[in-house]
Amino acid sequence: MRRKPWRPAGARPLLGAGPGRRVAWVLLGVCVVVVLAIGAAFAHQTTADGFDRVVDDPFINGLGRDQALLDWMEYPGTQVPAVVLSLAMAIAALARRRLDGVVLALLADLIATRIDEIVLKPLFDRTYLGAVSYPSGHTTSIVSIVAVYVVLFVIPPGNSRGRAWRLGGLAVLLALTLITVIGVIGLRWHYFTDTVGGAAVGVGTVCVLCLLIDASARWLRQPR
């Protein structure tokens, strides 16, 4: 007896063929090393180290007096934009009859930010002005969305005109990511290395989800 496939027969996996899975495993390994290395280096730290001061001070000194601007800049990394963008990608995936894409779009940001709040921030206990800061949840959120967008709309092949639009969407999301990072640094919510760790959590979470979803799909499609 054969199980009914959960996506159209012949549909490509989220990560494509074999090379896609290998790249995902490599990226996941790099992300794990980055998160743990930064966390271990700065665990229980309450002040900026020399590297963070060099990177952070120009943004703090240049933008620190413009609270309204900084509030606008950090907004893309907050919950409402994350929900809106995740739902938009899920709807687009559903229109393509890609239920695996729907699952990825709906789960990535939620799981990535929960890993930050429940596991990593209490574990490393790095603080900035008394608030736990590592990894940056704002950065984790927006980067996980960028990673999902890449998997669903950039990696799959398509006609040149459609691809140009998809790459344009990626450019917009990358710009929002940069704006968010500068915003949380300028607000003195996060050190630069907090944002690096947050980005690694976002990418790593999407890699794990893609690997698990593709493995589940292969299992479901096997004859029983």
N, C-alpha and C. Protein backbone atom coordinates (compact mmCIF):
# COMPACT_ATOMS: atom_id res chain seq x y z
N MET A 1 0.85 -1.20 0.00
CA MET A 1 0.00 0.00 0.00
C MET A 1 0.88 1.25 0.00
N ARG A 2 0.55 2.21 -0.84
CA ARG A 2 1.35 3.43 -0.95
C ARG A 2 0.64 4.59 -0.28
N ARG A 3 1.38 5.29 0.57
CA ARG A 3 0.80 6.46 1.22
C ARG A 3 0.54 7.56 0.20
N LYS A 4 -0.51 8.32 0.42
CA LYS A 4 -0.82 9.43 -0.47
C LYS A 4 0.20 10.54 -0.26
N PRO A 5 0.87 11.02 -1.33
CA PRO A 5 1.89 12.07 -1.15
C PRO A 5 1.28 13.35 -0.64
N TRP A 6 2.06 14.07 0.13
CA TRP A 6 1.55 15.31 0.73
C TRP A 6 1.87 16.52 -0.13
N ARG A 7 2.46 16.30 -1.28
CA ARG A 7 2.68 17.37 -2.24
C ARG A 7 2.59 16.74 -3.62
N PRO A 8 2.44 17.51 -4.69
CA PRO A 8 2.26 16.94 -6.01
C PRO A 8 3.38 16.00 -6.40
N ALA A 9 3.01 14.89 -7.07
CA ALA A 9 4.01 13.92 -7.50
C ALA A 9 5.06 14.60 -8.36
N GLY A 10 6.32 14.28 -8.10
CA GLY A 10 7.41 14.83 -8.88
C GLY A 10 7.89 16.19 -8.40
N ALA A 11 7.25 16.76 -7.38
CA ALA A 11 7.69 18.06 -6.89
C ALA A 11 9.08 17.94 -6.29
N ARG A 12 9.89 18.99 -6.48
CA ARG A 12 11.25 18.94 -5.99
C ARG A 12 11.27 19.14 -4.48
N PRO A 13 12.25 18.54 -3.79
CA PRO A 13 12.40 18.80 -2.35
C PRO A 13 12.73 20.27 -2.11
N LEU A 14 12.55 20.71 -0.89
CA LEU A 14 12.88 22.09 -0.55
C LEU A 14 14.33 22.43 -0.86
N LEU A 15 15.21 21.46 -0.61
CA LEU A 15 16.64 21.70 -0.81
C LEU A 15 17.13 21.19 -2.16
N GLY A 16 16.23 20.81 -3.03
CA GLY A 16 16.64 20.32 -4.34
C GLY A 16 17.27 18.94 -4.25
N ALA A 17 18.23 18.68 -5.10
CA ALA A 17 18.87 17.38 -5.15
C ALA A 17 19.92 17.24 -4.05
N GLY A 18 20.78 16.22 -4.20
CA GLY A 18 21.78 15.91 -3.19
C GLY A 18 22.66 17.07 -2.77
N PRO A 19 23.20 17.88 -3.70
CA PRO A 19 24.06 19.00 -3.29
C PRO A 19 23.37 19.97 -2.34
N GLY A 20 22.07 20.18 -2.52
CA GLY A 20 21.35 21.09 -1.62
C GLY A 20 21.37 20.60 -0.19
N ARG A 21 21.20 19.31 0.00
CA ARG A 21 21.24 18.76 1.35
C ARG A 21 22.64 18.89 1.96
N ARG A 22 23.66 18.66 1.14
CA ARG A 22 25.03 18.79 1.66
C ARG A 22 25.33 20.23 2.06
N VAL A 23 24.90 21.17 1.25
CA VAL A 23 25.09 22.58 1.60
C VAL A 23 24.37 22.92 2.89
N ALA A 24 23.16 22.39 3.06
CA ALA A 24 22.40 22.66 4.28
C ALA A 24 23.12 22.12 5.51
N TRP A 25 23.68 20.93 5.39
CA TRP A 25 24.42 20.36 6.52
C TRP A 25 25.65 21.20 6.86
N VAL A 26 26.37 21.65 5.83
CA VAL A 26 27.55 22.49 6.07
C VAL A 26 27.14 23.81 6.74
N LEU A 27 26.10 24.45 6.19
CA LEU A 27 25.62 25.70 6.79
C LEU A 27 25.20 25.50 8.23
N LEU A 28 24.50 24.40 8.49
CA LEU A 28 24.07 24.12 9.85
C LEU A 28 25.26 23.97 10.79
N GLY A 29 26.28 23.25 10.34
CA GLY A 29 27.47 23.10 11.17
C GLY A 29 28.14 24.43 11.46
N VAL A 30 28.26 25.27 10.44
CA VAL A 30 28.87 26.59 10.63
C VAL A 30 28.05 27.42 11.62
N CYS A 31 26.72 27.38 11.47
CA CYS A 31 25.85 28.16 12.36
C CYS A 31 25.97 27.71 13.81
N VAL A 32 26.02 26.41 14.02
CA VAL A 32 26.16 25.88 15.38
C VAL A 32 27.48 26.34 15.99
N VAL A 33 28.56 26.25 15.22
CA VAL A 33 29.87 26.69 15.72
C VAL A 33 29.86 28.17 16.07
N VAL A 34 29.26 28.98 15.19
CA VAL A 34 29.22 30.43 15.42
C VAL A 34 28.43 30.75 16.69
N VAL A 35 27.26 30.16 16.82
CA VAL A 35 26.41 30.45 17.99
C VAL A 35 27.11 30.05 19.28
N LEU A 36 27.68 28.85 19.30
CA LEU A 36 28.31 28.36 20.53
C LEU A 36 29.61 29.10 20.82
N ALA A 37 30.38 29.41 19.78
CA ALA A 37 31.66 30.10 20.00
C ALA A 37 31.45 31.50 20.55
N ILE A 38 30.54 32.26 19.93
CA ILE A 38 30.27 33.62 20.44
C ILE A 38 29.66 33.55 21.83
N GLY A 39 28.73 32.63 22.01
CA GLY A 39 28.10 32.50 23.32
C GLY A 39 29.09 32.17 24.41
N ALA A 40 29.99 31.22 24.13
CA ALA A 40 30.98 30.85 25.13
C ALA A 40 31.97 31.98 25.40
N ALA A 41 32.33 32.71 24.36
CA ALA A 41 33.30 33.80 24.52
C ALA A 41 32.75 34.94 25.36
N PHE A 42 31.44 35.21 25.24
CA PHE A 42 30.87 36.38 25.90
C PHE A 42 29.83 36.03 26.96
N ALA A 43 29.80 34.78 27.40
CA ALA A 43 28.82 34.38 28.41
C ALA A 43 28.98 35.23 29.67
N HIS A 44 27.85 35.69 30.20
CA HIS A 44 27.78 36.47 31.44
C HIS A 44 28.46 37.84 31.31
N GLN A 45 28.77 38.25 30.10
CA GLN A 45 29.39 39.56 29.90
C GLN A 45 28.34 40.66 30.11
N THR A 46 28.76 41.76 30.71
CA THR A 46 27.84 42.87 30.98
C THR A 46 28.25 44.16 30.28
N THR A 47 29.40 44.16 29.63
CA THR A 47 29.85 45.34 28.89
C THR A 47 30.39 44.91 27.54
N ALA A 48 30.50 45.86 26.62
CA ALA A 48 31.01 45.56 25.29
C ALA A 48 32.50 45.26 25.33
N ASP A 49 32.94 44.30 24.52
CA ASP A 49 34.37 44.06 24.37
C ASP A 49 34.92 45.06 23.35
N GLY A 50 36.23 45.01 23.12
CA GLY A 50 36.85 45.98 22.22
C GLY A 50 36.31 45.92 20.80
N PHE A 51 36.08 44.71 20.29
CA PHE A 51 35.58 44.58 18.92
C PHE A 51 34.18 45.17 18.79
N ASP A 52 33.30 44.85 19.72
CA ASP A 52 31.94 45.39 19.66
C ASP A 52 31.94 46.90 19.78
N ARG A 53 32.80 47.44 20.61
CA ARG A 53 32.86 48.91 20.74
C ARG A 53 33.25 49.57 19.43
N VAL A 54 34.23 48.97 18.73
CA VAL A 54 34.67 49.54 17.45
C VAL A 54 33.52 49.53 16.44
N VAL A 55 32.76 48.44 16.39
CA VAL A 55 31.67 48.34 15.41
C VAL A 55 30.46 49.15 15.84
N ASP A 56 30.13 49.10 17.13
CA ASP A 56 28.87 49.67 17.61
C ASP A 56 28.90 51.19 17.77
N ASP A 57 30.02 51.71 18.23
CA ASP A 57 30.06 53.13 18.60
C ASP A 57 29.67 54.09 17.48
N PRO A 58 30.10 53.87 16.23
CA PRO A 58 29.67 54.80 15.18
C PRO A 58 28.15 54.86 15.02
N PHE A 59 27.47 53.74 15.16
CA PHE A 59 26.01 53.74 15.03
C PHE A 59 25.35 54.38 16.26
N ILE A 60 25.89 54.09 17.43
CA ILE A 60 25.33 54.67 18.65
C ILE A 60 25.53 56.18 18.66
N ASN A 61 26.73 56.62 18.31
CA ASN A 61 27.01 58.05 18.33
C ASN A 61 26.30 58.79 17.19
N GLY A 62 26.16 58.12 16.05
CA GLY A 62 25.56 58.78 14.90
C GLY A 62 24.05 58.82 14.92
N LEU A 63 23.43 57.78 15.51
CA LEU A 63 21.97 57.67 15.47
C LEU A 63 21.31 57.71 16.85
N GLY A 64 22.11 57.68 17.89
CA GLY A 64 21.58 57.52 19.23
C GLY A 64 20.60 58.59 19.67
N ARG A 65 20.70 59.79 19.10
CA ARG A 65 19.81 60.87 19.51
C ARG A 65 18.47 60.84 18.77
N ASP A 66 18.36 60.06 17.72
CA ASP A 66 17.14 60.03 16.92
C ASP A 66 16.33 58.79 17.28
N GLN A 67 15.63 58.86 18.41
CA GLN A 67 14.89 57.71 18.92
C GLN A 67 13.81 57.26 17.94
N ALA A 68 13.11 58.20 17.33
CA ALA A 68 12.02 57.84 16.41
C ALA A 68 12.55 57.07 15.21
N LEU A 69 13.68 57.51 14.67
CA LEU A 69 14.28 56.81 13.54
C LEU A 69 14.70 55.40 13.92
N LEU A 70 15.33 55.26 15.07
CA LEU A 70 15.78 53.94 15.51
C LEU A 70 14.60 53.00 15.77
N ASP A 71 13.51 53.54 16.34
CA ASP A 71 12.32 52.71 16.54
C ASP A 71 11.78 52.20 15.21
N TRP A 72 11.83 53.05 14.19
CA TRP A 72 11.40 52.62 12.86
C TRP A 72 12.34 51.57 12.29
N MET A 73 13.64 51.74 12.54
CA MET A 73 14.62 50.83 11.96
C MET A 73 14.55 49.43 12.56
N GLU A 74 14.25 49.32 13.85
CA GLU A 74 14.20 47.99 14.46
C GLU A 74 12.89 47.27 14.19
N TYR A 75 11.89 47.98 13.66
CA TYR A 75 10.55 47.42 13.50
C TYR A 75 10.50 46.16 12.62
N PRO A 76 11.27 46.06 11.51
CA PRO A 76 11.18 44.84 10.70
C PRO A 76 11.51 43.55 11.45
N GLY A 77 12.22 43.67 12.55
CA GLY A 77 12.56 42.47 13.32
C GLY A 77 11.57 42.13 14.41
N THR A 78 10.42 42.80 14.45
CA THR A 78 9.43 42.57 15.49
C THR A 78 8.36 41.57 15.03
N GLN A 79 7.41 41.29 15.93
CA GLN A 79 6.48 40.19 15.71
C GLN A 79 5.51 40.43 14.56
N VAL A 80 4.95 41.63 14.47
CA VAL A 80 3.93 41.87 13.44
C VAL A 80 4.49 41.69 12.02
N PRO A 81 5.61 42.33 11.66
CA PRO A 81 6.16 42.07 10.32
C PRO A 81 6.50 40.60 10.11
N ALA A 82 7.00 39.93 11.15
CA ALA A 82 7.34 38.52 11.01
C ALA A 82 6.11 37.68 10.67
N VAL A 83 5.01 37.94 11.36
CA VAL A 83 3.77 37.19 11.10
C VAL A 83 3.26 37.48 9.69
N VAL A 84 3.26 38.76 9.31
CA VAL A 84 2.75 39.14 7.99
C VAL A 84 3.58 38.49 6.88
N LEU A 85 4.91 38.59 6.99
CA LEU A 85 5.77 38.02 5.95
C LEU A 85 5.68 36.49 5.92
N SER A 86 5.61 35.87 7.09
CA SER A 86 5.50 34.42 7.13
C SER A 86 4.19 33.95 6.49
N LEU A 87 3.09 34.63 6.80
CA LEU A 87 1.81 34.28 6.20
C LEU A 87 1.82 34.50 4.69
N ALA A 88 2.44 35.60 4.26
CA ALA A 88 2.50 35.87 2.81
C ALA A 88 3.26 34.76 2.08
N MET A 89 4.38 34.33 2.66
CA MET A 89 5.14 33.25 2.02
C MET A 89 4.38 31.93 2.07
N ALA A 90 3.67 31.69 3.16
CA ALA A 90 2.88 30.46 3.27
C ALA A 90 1.76 30.45 2.21
N ILE A 91 1.11 31.58 2.01
CA ILE A 91 0.04 31.67 1.01
C ILE A 91 0.61 31.46 -0.39
N ALA A 92 1.76 32.06 -0.66
CA ALA A 92 2.39 31.87 -1.97
C ALA A 92 2.78 30.41 -2.19
N ALA A 93 3.28 29.75 -1.15
CA ALA A 93 3.63 28.34 -1.27
C ALA A 93 2.37 27.49 -1.47
N LEU A 94 1.29 27.83 -0.78
CA LEU A 94 0.04 27.09 -0.93
C LEU A 94 -0.50 27.24 -2.35
N ALA A 95 -0.37 28.45 -2.92
CA ALA A 95 -0.82 28.66 -4.29
C ALA A 95 -0.06 27.77 -5.27
N ARG A 96 1.17 27.41 -4.92
CA ARG A 96 1.96 26.51 -5.76
C ARG A 96 1.78 25.05 -5.37
N ARG A 97 0.87 24.80 -4.46
CA ARG A 97 0.59 23.44 -3.97
C ARG A 97 1.84 22.83 -3.32
N ARG A 98 2.59 23.68 -2.62
CA ARG A 98 3.76 23.22 -1.90
C ARG A 98 3.47 23.24 -0.41
N LEU A 99 2.89 22.16 0.08
CA LEU A 99 2.54 22.11 1.50
C LEU A 99 3.79 22.10 2.37
N ASP A 100 4.87 21.54 1.85
CA ASP A 100 6.13 21.58 2.62
C ASP A 100 6.60 23.03 2.79
N GLY A 101 6.42 23.83 1.75
CA GLY A 101 6.76 25.25 1.86
C GLY A 101 5.89 25.99 2.85
N VAL A 102 4.61 25.62 2.90
CA VAL A 102 3.70 26.23 3.88
C VAL A 102 4.18 25.94 5.30
N VAL A 103 4.54 24.68 5.55
CA VAL A 103 5.02 24.30 6.88
C VAL A 103 6.29 25.06 7.24
N LEU A 104 7.21 25.15 6.29
CA LEU A 104 8.46 25.87 6.54
C LEU A 104 8.20 27.34 6.86
N ALA A 105 7.36 27.98 6.05
CA ALA A 105 7.10 29.41 6.24
C ALA A 105 6.44 29.70 7.58
N LEU A 106 5.55 28.80 8.02
CA LEU A 106 4.82 29.05 9.26
C LEU A 106 5.64 28.74 10.51
N LEU A 107 6.60 27.83 10.39
CA LEU A 107 7.32 27.38 11.59
C LEU A 107 8.66 28.06 11.82
N ALA A 108 9.31 28.52 10.76
CA ALA A 108 10.72 28.93 10.88
C ALA A 108 10.92 30.04 11.89
N ASP A 109 10.22 31.16 11.71
CA ASP A 109 10.41 32.29 12.63
C ASP A 109 10.00 31.93 14.05
N LEU A 110 8.89 31.23 14.19
CA LEU A 110 8.40 30.86 15.52
C LEU A 110 9.42 30.02 16.27
N ILE A 111 9.95 28.98 15.62
CA ILE A 111 10.90 28.09 16.29
C ILE A 111 12.22 28.80 16.55
N ALA A 112 12.71 29.55 15.57
CA ALA A 112 14.01 30.22 15.74
C ALA A 112 14.00 31.19 16.91
N THR A 113 12.95 32.00 17.01
CA THR A 113 12.91 32.98 18.10
C THR A 113 12.67 32.31 19.45
N ARG A 114 11.95 31.18 19.46
CA ARG A 114 11.77 30.46 20.72
C ARG A 114 13.09 29.84 21.18
N ILE A 115 13.92 29.38 20.25
CA ILE A 115 15.24 28.87 20.62
C ILE A 115 16.05 29.96 21.31
N ASP A 116 15.97 31.18 20.77
CA ASP A 116 16.65 32.31 21.41
C ASP A 116 16.17 32.51 22.84
N GLU A 117 14.86 32.66 22.99
CA GLU A 117 14.30 33.08 24.27
C GLU A 117 14.33 31.99 25.32
N ILE A 118 14.09 30.76 24.93
CA ILE A 118 13.95 29.68 25.90
C ILE A 118 15.28 29.00 26.21
N VAL A 119 16.15 28.91 25.20
CA VAL A 119 17.38 28.12 25.37
C VAL A 119 18.63 29.01 25.48
N LEU A 120 18.89 29.81 24.45
CA LEU A 120 20.20 30.45 24.33
C LEU A 120 20.39 31.65 25.25
N LYS A 121 19.39 32.50 25.37
CA LYS A 121 19.57 33.67 26.25
C LYS A 121 19.76 33.26 27.71
N PRO A 122 18.95 32.34 28.25
CA PRO A 122 19.24 31.91 29.63
C PRO A 122 20.56 31.17 29.75
N LEU A 123 20.95 30.43 28.71
CA LEU A 123 22.18 29.64 28.78
C LEU A 123 23.41 30.54 28.87
N PHE A 124 23.50 31.56 28.02
CA PHE A 124 24.70 32.38 27.95
C PHE A 124 24.62 33.64 28.81
N ASP A 125 23.43 34.12 29.09
CA ASP A 125 23.21 35.21 30.04
C ASP A 125 24.12 36.41 29.78
N ARG A 126 24.26 36.78 28.54
CA ARG A 126 24.99 37.99 28.21
C ARG A 126 24.01 39.17 28.27
N THR A 127 24.40 40.26 28.92
CA THR A 127 23.46 41.36 29.13
C THR A 127 23.99 42.67 28.56
N TYR A 128 23.03 43.53 28.23
CA TYR A 128 23.34 44.88 27.74
C TYR A 128 22.43 45.84 28.51
N LEU A 129 23.03 46.69 29.32
CA LEU A 129 22.27 47.61 30.18
C LEU A 129 21.24 46.86 31.02
N GLY A 130 21.61 45.69 31.48
CA GLY A 130 20.77 44.91 32.38
C GLY A 130 19.82 43.95 31.71
N ALA A 131 19.66 44.01 30.39
CA ALA A 131 18.74 43.12 29.67
C ALA A 131 19.53 42.03 28.95
N VAL A 132 19.01 40.81 28.99
CA VAL A 132 19.67 39.70 28.30
C VAL A 132 19.66 39.97 26.80
N SER A 133 20.83 39.81 26.16
CA SER A 133 20.94 40.29 24.78
C SER A 133 21.38 39.26 23.75
N TYR A 134 21.95 38.14 24.16
CA TYR A 134 22.51 37.21 23.17
C TYR A 134 21.69 35.93 23.08
N PRO A 135 21.30 35.54 21.86
CA PRO A 135 21.44 36.21 20.56
C PRO A 135 20.34 37.27 20.36
N SER A 136 20.50 38.08 19.34
CA SER A 136 19.50 39.10 19.03
C SER A 136 18.26 38.47 18.42
N GLY A 137 17.14 38.56 19.13
CA GLY A 137 15.90 38.00 18.61
C GLY A 137 15.40 38.73 17.38
N HIS A 138 15.60 40.05 17.32
CA HIS A 138 15.22 40.81 16.12
C HIS A 138 15.94 40.27 14.89
N THR A 139 17.25 40.06 15.03
CA THR A 139 18.03 39.57 13.90
C THR A 139 17.65 38.15 13.54
N THR A 140 17.46 37.31 14.55
CA THR A 140 17.02 35.94 14.29
C THR A 140 15.73 35.92 13.48
N SER A 141 14.79 36.76 13.86
CA SER A 141 13.49 36.79 13.20
C SER A 141 13.61 37.16 11.72
N ILE A 142 14.23 38.29 11.44
CA ILE A 142 14.28 38.75 10.05
C ILE A 142 15.17 37.85 9.20
N VAL A 143 16.25 37.32 9.77
CA VAL A 143 17.13 36.44 8.99
C VAL A 143 16.45 35.10 8.70
N SER A 144 15.69 34.57 9.64
CA SER A 144 14.97 33.32 9.37
C SER A 144 13.98 33.52 8.22
N ILE A 145 13.35 34.68 8.16
CA ILE A 145 12.42 34.97 7.07
C ILE A 145 13.17 35.07 5.74
N VAL A 146 14.32 35.72 5.75
CA VAL A 146 15.14 35.80 4.53
C VAL A 146 15.53 34.40 4.07
N ALA A 147 15.95 33.55 5.01
CA ALA A 147 16.37 32.20 4.65
C ALA A 147 15.21 31.39 4.06
N VAL A 148 14.02 31.52 4.63
CA VAL A 148 12.85 30.84 4.07
C VAL A 148 12.57 31.35 2.66
N TYR A 149 12.66 32.65 2.47
CA TYR A 149 12.42 33.24 1.14
C TYR A 149 13.40 32.66 0.12
N VAL A 150 14.66 32.54 0.50
CA VAL A 150 15.66 31.98 -0.40
C VAL A 150 15.30 30.55 -0.78
N VAL A 151 14.91 29.75 0.21
CA VAL A 151 14.58 28.35 -0.06
C VAL A 151 13.36 28.23 -0.97
N LEU A 152 12.35 29.03 -0.73
CA LEU A 152 11.10 28.89 -1.46
C LEU A 152 11.08 29.60 -2.81
N PHE A 153 11.79 30.73 -2.92
CA PHE A 153 11.61 31.57 -4.11
C PHE A 153 12.89 31.90 -4.88
N VAL A 154 14.06 31.65 -4.30
CA VAL A 154 15.31 31.96 -5.00
C VAL A 154 15.98 30.70 -5.52
N ILE A 155 16.06 29.66 -4.70
CA ILE A 155 16.72 28.42 -5.13
C ILE A 155 15.97 27.72 -6.26
N PRO A 156 14.64 27.60 -6.22
CA PRO A 156 13.95 26.88 -7.30
C PRO A 156 14.17 27.54 -8.65
N PRO A 157 14.35 26.75 -9.72
CA PRO A 157 14.53 27.33 -11.05
C PRO A 157 13.24 27.98 -11.54
N GLY A 158 13.36 28.93 -12.44
CA GLY A 158 12.20 29.60 -13.01
C GLY A 158 12.62 30.43 -14.21
N ASN A 159 11.63 31.04 -14.87
CA ASN A 159 11.97 31.86 -16.03
C ASN A 159 12.73 33.12 -15.58
N SER A 160 13.48 33.70 -16.50
CA SER A 160 14.38 34.80 -16.16
C SER A 160 13.62 36.02 -15.63
N ARG A 161 12.45 36.31 -16.20
CA ARG A 161 11.70 37.47 -15.74
C ARG A 161 11.20 37.28 -14.31
N GLY A 162 10.63 36.11 -14.04
CA GLY A 162 10.16 35.84 -12.68
C GLY A 162 11.31 35.82 -11.69
N ARG A 163 12.45 35.31 -12.12
CA ARG A 163 13.61 35.26 -11.22
C ARG A 163 14.09 36.65 -10.88
N ALA A 164 14.03 37.56 -11.84
CA ALA A 164 14.45 38.94 -11.57
C ALA A 164 13.59 39.55 -10.47
N TRP A 165 12.28 39.31 -10.52
CA TRP A 165 11.39 39.82 -9.47
C TRP A 165 11.71 39.17 -8.13
N ARG A 166 11.98 37.87 -8.15
CA ARG A 166 12.28 37.18 -6.88
C ARG A 166 13.59 37.69 -6.28
N LEU A 167 14.58 37.95 -7.12
CA LEU A 167 15.84 38.50 -6.62
C LEU A 167 15.64 39.92 -6.10
N GLY A 168 14.73 40.66 -6.74
CA GLY A 168 14.40 41.99 -6.22
C GLY A 168 13.80 41.91 -4.83
N GLY A 169 12.92 40.93 -4.61
CA GLY A 169 12.35 40.72 -3.28
C GLY A 169 13.42 40.37 -2.27
N LEU A 170 14.39 39.57 -2.68
CA LEU A 170 15.50 39.22 -1.78
C LEU A 170 16.30 40.45 -1.41
N ALA A 171 16.56 41.32 -2.38
CA ALA A 171 17.31 42.54 -2.11
C ALA A 171 16.59 43.41 -1.08
N VAL A 172 15.26 43.48 -1.19
CA VAL A 172 14.48 44.26 -0.22
C VAL A 172 14.62 43.66 1.18
N LEU A 173 14.50 42.34 1.27
CA LEU A 173 14.60 41.68 2.58
C LEU A 173 16.00 41.85 3.18
N LEU A 174 17.02 41.77 2.36
CA LEU A 174 18.38 41.97 2.87
C LEU A 174 18.57 43.40 3.37
N ALA A 175 17.98 44.36 2.66
CA ALA A 175 18.06 45.74 3.11
C ALA A 175 17.36 45.91 4.45
N LEU A 176 16.20 45.28 4.62
CA LEU A 176 15.49 45.34 5.90
C LEU A 176 16.30 44.70 7.01
N THR A 177 17.02 43.64 6.67
CA THR A 177 17.88 42.98 7.68
C THR A 177 18.96 43.93 8.15
N LEU A 178 19.62 44.59 7.20
CA LEU A 178 20.68 45.54 7.57
C LEU A 178 20.13 46.68 8.41
N ILE A 179 18.97 47.20 8.02
CA ILE A 179 18.34 48.29 8.77
C ILE A 179 18.02 47.84 10.19
N THR A 180 17.50 46.63 10.33
CA THR A 180 17.17 46.10 11.65
C THR A 180 18.41 45.99 12.53
N VAL A 181 19.48 45.45 11.97
CA VAL A 181 20.72 45.28 12.74
C VAL A 181 21.24 46.63 13.22
N ILE A 182 21.27 47.60 12.33
CA ILE A 182 21.75 48.93 12.73
C ILE A 182 20.83 49.54 13.78
N GLY A 183 19.52 49.31 13.64
CA GLY A 183 18.57 49.86 14.60
C GLY A 183 18.76 49.33 16.00
N VAL A 184 18.91 48.01 16.15
CA VAL A 184 19.04 47.45 17.50
C VAL A 184 20.39 47.79 18.12
N ILE A 185 21.41 47.99 17.27
CA ILE A 185 22.71 48.44 17.80
C ILE A 185 22.61 49.90 18.25
N GLY A 186 21.99 50.73 17.41
CA GLY A 186 21.84 52.14 17.76
C GLY A 186 21.00 52.37 19.00
N LEU A 187 20.01 51.52 19.23
CA LEU A 187 19.17 51.62 20.42
C LEU A 187 19.87 51.08 21.68
N ARG A 188 21.04 50.50 21.48
CA ARG A 188 21.80 49.89 22.58
C ARG A 188 21.02 48.73 23.21
N TRP A 189 20.36 47.98 22.33
CA TRP A 189 19.70 46.75 22.76
C TRP A 189 20.61 45.55 22.58
N HIS A 190 21.49 45.64 21.57
CA HIS A 190 22.35 44.50 21.24
C HIS A 190 23.74 44.97 20.83
N TYR A 191 24.73 44.13 21.13
CA TYR A 191 26.06 44.29 20.57
C TYR A 191 26.06 43.72 19.15
N PHE A 192 27.05 44.12 18.36
CA PHE A 192 27.13 43.58 17.00
C PHE A 192 27.21 42.06 17.01
N THR A 193 28.01 41.50 17.92
CA THR A 193 28.14 40.04 17.94
C THR A 193 26.84 39.36 18.34
N ASP A 194 25.94 40.04 19.05
CA ASP A 194 24.61 39.49 19.30
C ASP A 194 23.86 39.27 17.98
N THR A 195 24.02 40.22 17.06
CA THR A 195 23.31 40.11 15.78
C THR A 195 23.91 39.01 14.92
N VAL A 196 25.22 38.81 15.01
CA VAL A 196 25.84 37.70 14.28
C VAL A 196 25.30 36.36 14.79
N GLY A 197 25.24 36.22 16.12
CA GLY A 197 24.67 35.00 16.68
C GLY A 197 23.21 34.83 16.30
N GLY A 198 22.44 35.92 16.31
CA GLY A 198 21.04 35.83 15.93
C GLY A 198 20.88 35.39 14.49
N ALA A 199 21.70 35.92 13.59
CA ALA A 199 21.64 35.51 12.18
C ALA A 199 21.95 34.02 12.04
N ALA A 200 22.93 33.54 12.79
CA ALA A 200 23.29 32.12 12.73
C ALA A 200 22.14 31.24 13.23
N VAL A 201 21.45 31.67 14.26
CA VAL A 201 20.29 30.91 14.74
C VAL A 201 19.20 30.85 13.67
N GLY A 202 18.94 31.99 13.02
CA GLY A 202 17.92 32.01 11.99
C GLY A 202 18.23 31.09 10.83
N VAL A 203 19.45 31.16 10.30
CA VAL A 203 19.84 30.31 9.17
C VAL A 203 19.87 28.84 9.59
N GLY A 204 20.46 28.57 10.76
CA GLY A 204 20.54 27.19 11.22
C GLY A 204 19.19 26.55 11.42
N THR A 205 18.24 27.31 11.96
CA THR A 205 16.91 26.77 12.17
C THR A 205 16.24 26.41 10.85
N VAL A 206 16.37 27.26 9.85
CA VAL A 206 15.78 26.97 8.54
C VAL A 206 16.44 25.74 7.92
N CYS A 207 17.75 25.60 8.07
CA CYS A 207 18.43 24.41 7.55
C CYS A 207 17.87 23.14 8.21
N VAL A 208 17.73 23.16 9.52
CA VAL A 208 17.20 21.99 10.22
C VAL A 208 15.79 21.67 9.74
N LEU A 209 14.94 22.67 9.65
CA LEU A 209 13.56 22.43 9.22
C LEU A 209 13.51 21.88 7.81
N CYS A 210 14.31 22.43 6.91
CA CYS A 210 14.32 21.92 5.53
C CYS A 210 14.76 20.46 5.48
N LEU A 211 15.80 20.13 6.23
CA LEU A 211 16.28 18.75 6.26
C LEU A 211 15.21 17.81 6.82
N LEU A 212 14.54 18.22 7.89
CA LEU A 212 13.51 17.38 8.50
C LEU A 212 12.29 17.23 7.59
N ILE A 213 11.86 18.35 6.99
CA ILE A 213 10.68 18.30 6.13
C ILE A 213 10.95 17.44 4.89
N ASP A 214 12.12 17.60 4.28
CA ASP A 214 12.45 16.79 3.11
C ASP A 214 12.57 15.32 3.47
N ALA A 215 13.18 15.02 4.63
CA ALA A 215 13.29 13.62 5.06
C ALA A 215 11.92 13.02 5.32
N SER A 216 11.02 13.80 5.93
CA SER A 216 9.66 13.30 6.17
C SER A 216 8.93 13.06 4.87
N ALA A 217 9.12 13.96 3.90
CA ALA A 217 8.46 13.79 2.60
C ALA A 217 8.95 12.53 1.90
N ARG A 218 10.26 12.29 1.95
CA ARG A 218 10.79 11.06 1.33
C ARG A 218 10.21 9.83 1.99
N TRP A 219 10.07 9.86 3.31
CA TRP A 219 9.52 8.71 4.01
C TRP A 219 8.06 8.49 3.65
N LEU A 220 7.30 9.57 3.56
CA LEU A 220 5.88 9.47 3.24
C LEU A 220 5.65 8.94 1.83
N ARG A 221 6.59 9.19 0.92
CA ARG A 221 6.42 8.80 -0.46
C ARG A 221 6.90 7.38 -0.74
N GLN A 222 7.52 6.75 0.26
CA GLN A 222 7.99 5.38 0.05
C GLN A 222 6.81 4.41 0.02
N PRO A 223 6.90 3.33 -0.80
CA PRO A 223 5.83 2.34 -0.81
C PRO A 223 5.71 1.65 0.54
N ARG A 224 4.47 1.38 0.94
CA ARG A 224 4.22 0.68 2.20
C ARG A 224 3.48 -0.63 1.92
